[in-house]
Amino acid sequence: MGKMYENMTPYVSKDPRAAYRLALVKGAVDPDNFFFYEQSIPPLIMSEENCGSCSYQSL
């Protein structure tokens, strides 16, 4: 298991929050997922009701 972890390390994000931010942007720019592609980021749509303390600005 340790060897697999070593081999996968270069492919793991150093900043997993970056993927979350990308999903927020995708949700703001393309909420209907018009630009769908198999490897694209799915949109993360947050409303003020379920957002809580979101710290992003809408585009």
PDB file of N, CA and C in Angstrom:
ATOM      1  N   MET A   1       0.828  -1.189   0.000  1.00  0.00           N
ATOM      2  CA  MET A   1       0.000   0.000   0.000  1.00  0.00           C
ATOM      3  C   MET A   1       0.872   1.252   0.000  1.00  0.00           C
ATOM      4  N   GLY A   2       1.970   1.220   0.711  1.00  0.00           N
ATOM      5  CA  GLY A   2       2.874   2.360   0.764  1.00  0.00           C
ATOM      6  C   GLY A   2       3.462   2.691  -0.595  1.00  0.00           C
ATOM      7  N   LYS A   3       3.758   1.678  -1.377  1.00  0.00           N
ATOM      8  CA  LYS A   3       4.318   1.882  -2.724  1.00  0.00           C
ATOM      9  C   LYS A   3       3.283   2.562  -3.633  1.00  0.00           C
ATOM     10  N   MET A   4       2.028   2.146  -3.516  1.00  0.00           N
ATOM     11  CA  MET A   4       0.975   2.771  -4.315  1.00  0.00           C
ATOM     12  C   MET A   4       0.826   4.246  -3.924  1.00  0.00           C
ATOM     13  N   TYR A   5       0.903   4.524  -2.630  1.00  0.00           N
ATOM     14  CA  TYR A   5       0.808   5.902  -2.157  1.00  0.00           C
ATOM     15  C   TYR A   5       1.942   6.745  -2.746  1.00  0.00           C
ATOM     16  N   GLU A   6       3.152   6.210  -2.749  1.00  0.00           N
ATOM     17  CA  GLU A   6       4.301   6.918  -3.333  1.00  0.00           C
ATOM     18  C   GLU A   6       4.096   7.171  -4.822  1.00  0.00           C
ATOM     19  N   ASN A   7       3.590   6.182  -5.533  1.00  0.00           N
ATOM     20  CA  ASN A   7       3.403   6.320  -6.976  1.00  0.00           C
ATOM     21  C   ASN A   7       2.302   7.321  -7.330  1.00  0.00           C
ATOM     22  N   MET A   8       1.297   7.446  -6.475  1.00  0.00           N
ATOM     23  CA  MET A   8       0.181   8.354  -6.762  1.00  0.00           C
ATOM     24  C   MET A   8       0.433   9.783  -6.288  1.00  0.00           C
ATOM     25  N   THR A   9       1.397  10.004  -5.435  1.00  0.00           N
ATOM     26  CA  THR A   9       1.662  11.322  -4.862  1.00  0.00           C
ATOM     27  C   THR A   9       1.805  12.428  -5.905  1.00  0.00           C
ATOM     28  N   PRO A  10       2.503  12.231  -7.026  1.00  0.00           N
ATOM     29  CA  PRO A  10       2.623  13.316  -7.999  1.00  0.00           C
ATOM     30  C   PRO A  10       1.291  13.726  -8.637  1.00  0.00           C
ATOM     31  N   TYR A  11       0.289  12.879  -8.579  1.00  0.00           N
ATOM     32  CA  TYR A  11      -0.982  13.150  -9.238  1.00  0.00           C
ATOM     33  C   TYR A  11      -2.046  13.725  -8.294  1.00  0.00           C
ATOM     34  N   VAL A  12      -1.708  13.870  -7.043  1.00  0.00           N
ATOM     35  CA  VAL A  12      -2.650  14.375  -6.047  1.00  0.00           C
ATOM     36  C   VAL A  12      -2.473  15.882  -5.919  1.00  0.00           C
ATOM     37  N   SER A  13      -3.586  16.579  -5.819  1.00  0.00           N
ATOM     38  CA  SER A  13      -3.543  18.033  -5.694  1.00  0.00           C
ATOM     39  C   SER A  13      -2.890  18.449  -4.387  1.00  0.00           C
ATOM     40  N   LYS A  14      -2.019  19.431  -4.480  1.00  0.00           N
ATOM     41  CA  LYS A  14      -1.408  19.979  -3.269  1.00  0.00           C
ATOM     42  C   LYS A  14      -2.395  20.883  -2.538  1.00  0.00           C
ATOM     43  N   ASP A  15      -3.372  21.417  -3.283  1.00  0.00           N
ATOM     44  CA  ASP A  15      -4.361  22.327  -2.720  1.00  0.00           C
ATOM     45  C   ASP A  15      -5.757  21.862  -3.134  1.00  0.00           C
ATOM     46  N   PRO A  16      -6.367  20.932  -2.370  1.00  0.00           N
ATOM     47  CA  PRO A  16      -7.680  20.427  -2.767  1.00  0.00           C
ATOM     48  C   PRO A  16      -8.763  21.499  -2.775  1.00  0.00           C
ATOM     49  N   ARG A  17      -8.543  22.605  -2.072  1.00  0.00           N
ATOM     50  CA  ARG A  17      -9.528  23.684  -2.085  1.00  0.00           C
ATOM     51  C   ARG A  17      -9.596  24.358  -3.454  1.00  0.00           C
ATOM     52  N   ALA A  18      -8.556  24.233  -4.252  1.00  0.00           N
ATOM     53  CA  ALA A  18      -8.565  24.808  -5.596  1.00  0.00           C
ATOM     54  C   ALA A  18      -9.659  24.151  -6.442  1.00  0.00           C
ATOM     55  N   ALA A  19      -9.841  22.845  -6.300  1.00  0.00           N
ATOM     56  CA  ALA A  19     -10.892  22.152  -7.046  1.00  0.00           C
ATOM     57  C   ALA A  19     -12.266  22.637  -6.605  1.00  0.00           C
ATOM     58  N   TYR A  20     -12.428  22.904  -5.324  1.00  0.00           N
ATOM     59  CA  TYR A  20     -13.686  23.426  -4.795  1.00  0.00           C
ATOM     60  C   TYR A  20     -13.977  24.806  -5.389  1.00  0.00           C
ATOM     61  N   ARG A  21     -12.930  25.645  -5.457  1.00  0.00           N
ATOM     62  CA  ARG A  21     -13.102  26.985  -6.037  1.00  0.00           C
ATOM     63  C   ARG A  21     -13.462  26.895  -7.513  1.00  0.00           C
ATOM     64  N   LEU A  22     -12.839  25.957  -8.230  1.00  0.00           N
ATOM     65  CA  LEU A  22     -13.158  25.789  -9.646  1.00  0.00           C
ATOM     66  C   LEU A  22     -14.614  25.364  -9.823  1.00  0.00           C
ATOM     67  N   ALA A  23     -15.090  24.493  -8.951  1.00  0.00           N
ATOM     68  CA  ALA A  23     -16.483  24.054  -9.031  1.00  0.00           C
ATOM     69  C   ALA A  23     -17.437  25.208  -8.742  1.00  0.00           C
ATOM     70  N   LEU A  24     -17.064  26.101  -7.819  1.00  0.00           N
ATOM     71  CA  LEU A  24     -17.885  27.278  -7.539  1.00  0.00           C
ATOM     72  C   LEU A  24     -17.947  28.199  -8.755  1.00  0.00           C
ATOM     73  N   VAL A  25     -16.809  28.399  -9.396  1.00  0.00           N
ATOM     74  CA  VAL A  25     -16.769  29.246 -10.594  1.00  0.00           C
ATOM     75  C   VAL A  25     -17.584  28.608 -11.704  1.00  0.00           C
ATOM     76  N   LYS A  26     -17.435  27.314 -11.895  1.00  0.00           N
ATOM     77  CA  LYS A  26     -18.216  26.607 -12.914  1.00  0.00           C
ATOM     78  C   LYS A  26     -19.712  26.761 -12.640  1.00  0.00           C
ATOM     79  N   GLY A  27     -20.122  26.688 -11.377  1.00  0.00           N
ATOM     80  CA  GLY A  27     -21.522  26.851 -11.009  1.00  0.00           C
ATOM     81  C   GLY A  27     -22.027  28.258 -11.265  1.00  0.00           C
ATOM     82  N   ALA A  28     -21.155  29.248 -11.095  1.00  0.00           N
ATOM     83  CA  ALA A  28     -21.556  30.638 -11.323  1.00  0.00           C
ATOM     84  C   ALA A  28     -21.608  30.979 -12.809  1.00  0.00           C
ATOM     85  N   VAL A  29     -20.660  30.457 -13.573  1.00  0.00           N
ATOM     86  CA  VAL A  29     -20.560  30.785 -14.991  1.00  0.00           C
ATOM     87  C   VAL A  29     -21.454  29.898 -15.855  1.00  0.00           C
ATOM     88  N   ASP A  30     -21.538  28.620 -15.514  1.00  0.00           N
ATOM     89  CA  ASP A  30     -22.274  27.652 -16.325  1.00  0.00           C
ATOM     90  C   ASP A  30     -23.144  26.761 -15.440  1.00  0.00           C
ATOM     91  N   PRO A  31     -24.163  27.327 -14.773  1.00  0.00           N
ATOM     92  CA  PRO A  31     -24.963  26.536 -13.828  1.00  0.00           C
ATOM     93  C   PRO A  31     -25.752  25.397 -14.476  1.00  0.00           C
ATOM     94  N   ASP A  32     -26.079  25.525 -15.760  1.00  0.00           N
ATOM     95  CA  ASP A  32     -26.831  24.471 -16.445  1.00  0.00           C
ATOM     96  C   ASP A  32     -25.928  23.421 -17.065  1.00  0.00           C
ATOM     97  N   ASN A  33     -24.612  23.566 -16.869  1.00  0.00           N
ATOM     98  CA  ASN A  33     -23.617  22.631 -17.394  1.00  0.00           C
ATOM     99  C   ASN A  33     -23.719  22.497 -18.918  1.00  0.00           C
ATOM    100  N   PHE A  34     -23.905  23.633 -19.590  1.00  0.00           N
ATOM    101  CA  PHE A  34     -23.997  23.646 -21.047  1.00  0.00           C
ATOM    102  C   PHE A  34     -22.701  23.144 -21.676  1.00  0.00           C
ATOM    103  N   PHE A  35     -21.565  23.540 -21.105  1.00  0.00           N
ATOM    104  CA  PHE A  35     -20.265  23.129 -21.630  1.00  0.00           C
ATOM    105  C   PHE A  35     -19.823  21.827 -20.970  1.00  0.00           C
ATOM    106  N   PHE A  36     -20.640  20.793 -21.136  1.00  0.00           N
ATOM    107  CA  PHE A  36     -20.377  19.499 -20.530  1.00  0.00           C
ATOM    108  C   PHE A  36     -19.344  18.740 -21.349  1.00  0.00           C
ATOM    109  N   TYR A  37     -18.440  18.124 -20.667  1.00  0.00           N
ATOM    110  CA  TYR A  37     -17.428  17.259 -21.264  1.00  0.00           C
ATOM    111  C   TYR A  37     -17.141  16.185 -20.225  1.00  0.00           C
ATOM    112  N   GLU A  38     -16.849  14.980 -20.628  1.00  0.00           N
ATOM    113  CA  GLU A  38     -16.661  13.870 -19.689  1.00  0.00           C
ATOM    114  C   GLU A  38     -15.665  14.199 -18.580  1.00  0.00           C
ATOM    115  N   GLN A  39     -14.630  14.952 -18.907  1.00  0.00           N
ATOM    116  CA  GLN A  39     -13.601  15.247 -17.914  1.00  0.00           C
ATOM    117  C   GLN A  39     -13.729  16.645 -17.328  1.00  0.00           C
ATOM    118  N   SER A  40     -14.842  17.311 -17.586  1.00  0.00           N
ATOM    119  CA  SER A  40     -15.005  18.659 -17.063  1.00  0.00           C
ATOM    120  C   SER A  40     -15.403  18.643 -15.585  1.00  0.00           C
ATOM    121  N   ILE A  41     -15.260  19.779 -14.967  1.00  0.00           N
ATOM    122  CA  ILE A  41     -15.609  19.931 -13.558  1.00  0.00           C
ATOM    123  C   ILE A  41     -17.118  20.096 -13.453  1.00  0.00           C
ATOM    124  N   PRO A  42     -17.778  19.330 -12.600  1.00  0.00           N
ATOM    125  CA  PRO A  42     -19.226  19.524 -12.439  1.00  0.00           C
ATOM    126  C   PRO A  42     -19.503  20.839 -11.711  1.00  0.00           C
ATOM    127  N   PRO A  43     -20.598  21.511 -12.042  1.00  0.00           N
ATOM    128  CA  PRO A  43     -20.883  22.783 -11.381  1.00  0.00           C
ATOM    129  C   PRO A  43     -21.316  22.579  -9.936  1.00  0.00           C
ATOM    130  N   LEU A  44     -20.852  23.455  -9.080  1.00  0.00           N
ATOM    131  CA  LEU A  44     -21.273  23.468  -7.680  1.00  0.00           C
ATOM    132  C   LEU A  44     -22.086  24.737  -7.504  1.00  0.00           C
ATOM    133  N   ILE A  45     -23.379  24.573  -7.314  1.00  0.00           N
ATOM    134  CA  ILE A  45     -24.272  25.717  -7.232  1.00  0.00           C
ATOM    135  C   ILE A  45     -24.640  25.929  -5.773  1.00  0.00           C
ATOM    136  N   MET A  46     -24.307  27.099  -5.271  1.00  0.00           N
ATOM    137  CA  MET A  46     -24.590  27.443  -3.881  1.00  0.00           C
ATOM    138  C   MET A  46     -25.566  28.608  -3.863  1.00  0.00           C
ATOM    139  N   SER A  47     -26.626  28.461  -3.106  1.00  0.00           N
ATOM    140  CA  SER A  47     -27.546  29.577  -2.922  1.00  0.00           C
ATOM    141  C   SER A  47     -27.243  30.209  -1.569  1.00  0.00           C
ATOM    142  N   GLU A  48     -27.753  31.403  -1.348  1.00  0.00           N
ATOM    143  CA  GLU A  48     -27.502  32.067  -0.073  1.00  0.00           C
ATOM    144  C   GLU A  48     -28.135  31.290   1.077  1.00  0.00           C
ATOM    145  N   GLU A  49     -29.181  30.524   0.802  1.00  0.00           N
ATOM    146  CA  GLU A  49     -29.849  29.752   1.842  1.00  0.00           C
ATOM    147  C   GLU A  49     -28.967  28.632   2.378  1.00  0.00           C
ATOM    148  N   ASN A  50     -28.325  27.878   1.467  1.00  0.00           N
ATOM    149  CA  ASN A  50     -27.538  26.732   1.914  1.00  0.00           C
ATOM    150  C   ASN A  50     -26.045  26.998   1.931  1.00  0.00           C
ATOM    151  N   CYS A  51     -25.668  28.223   1.693  1.00  0.00           N
ATOM    152  CA  CYS A  51     -24.255  28.564   1.615  1.00  0.00           C
ATOM    153  C   CYS A  51     -23.640  28.752   2.992  1.00  0.00           C
ATOM    154  N   GLY A  52     -24.373  29.295   3.903  1.00  0.00           N
ATOM    155  CA  GLY A  52     -23.801  29.563   5.213  1.00  0.00           C
ATOM    156  C   GLY A  52     -22.886  30.770   5.151  1.00  0.00           C
ATOM    157  N   SER A  53     -21.609  30.550   5.322  1.00  0.00           N
ATOM    158  CA  SER A  53     -20.653  31.663   5.317  1.00  0.00           C
ATOM    159  C   SER A  53     -19.725  31.559   4.120  1.00  0.00           C
ATOM    160  N   CYS A  54     -20.277  31.558   2.919  1.00  0.00           N
ATOM    161  CA  CYS A  54     -19.453  31.518   1.709  1.00  0.00           C
ATOM    162  C   CYS A  54     -18.628  32.791   1.604  1.00  0.00           C
ATOM    163  N   SER A  55     -17.416  32.641   1.165  1.00  0.00           N
ATOM    164  CA  SER A  55     -16.548  33.811   1.064  1.00  0.00           C
ATOM    165  C   SER A  55     -16.138  34.059  -0.385  1.00  0.00           C
ATOM    166  N   TYR A  56     -17.031  33.814  -1.317  1.00  0.00           N
ATOM    167  CA  TYR A  56     -16.732  34.110  -2.713  1.00  0.00           C
ATOM    168  C   TYR A  56     -17.719  35.130  -3.225  1.00  0.00           C
ATOM    169  N   GLN A  57     -17.302  35.805  -4.284  1.00  0.00           N
ATOM    170  CA  GLN A  57     -18.171  36.792  -4.894  1.00  0.00           C
ATOM    171  C   GLN A  57     -18.690  36.213  -6.202  1.00  0.00           C
ATOM    172  N   SER A  58     -19.933  36.456  -6.511  1.00  0.00           N
ATOM    173  CA  SER A  58     -20.468  35.975  -7.771  1.00  0.00           C
ATOM    174  C   SER A  58     -19.870  36.771  -8.913  1.00  0.00           C
ATOM    175  N   LEU A  59     -19.756  36.142 -10.048  1.00  0.00           N
ATOM    176  CA  LEU A  59     -19.107  36.784 -11.210  1.00  0.00           C
ATOM    177  C   LEU A  59     -20.058  37.677 -11.947  1.00  0.00           C
TER     178      LEU A  59
END
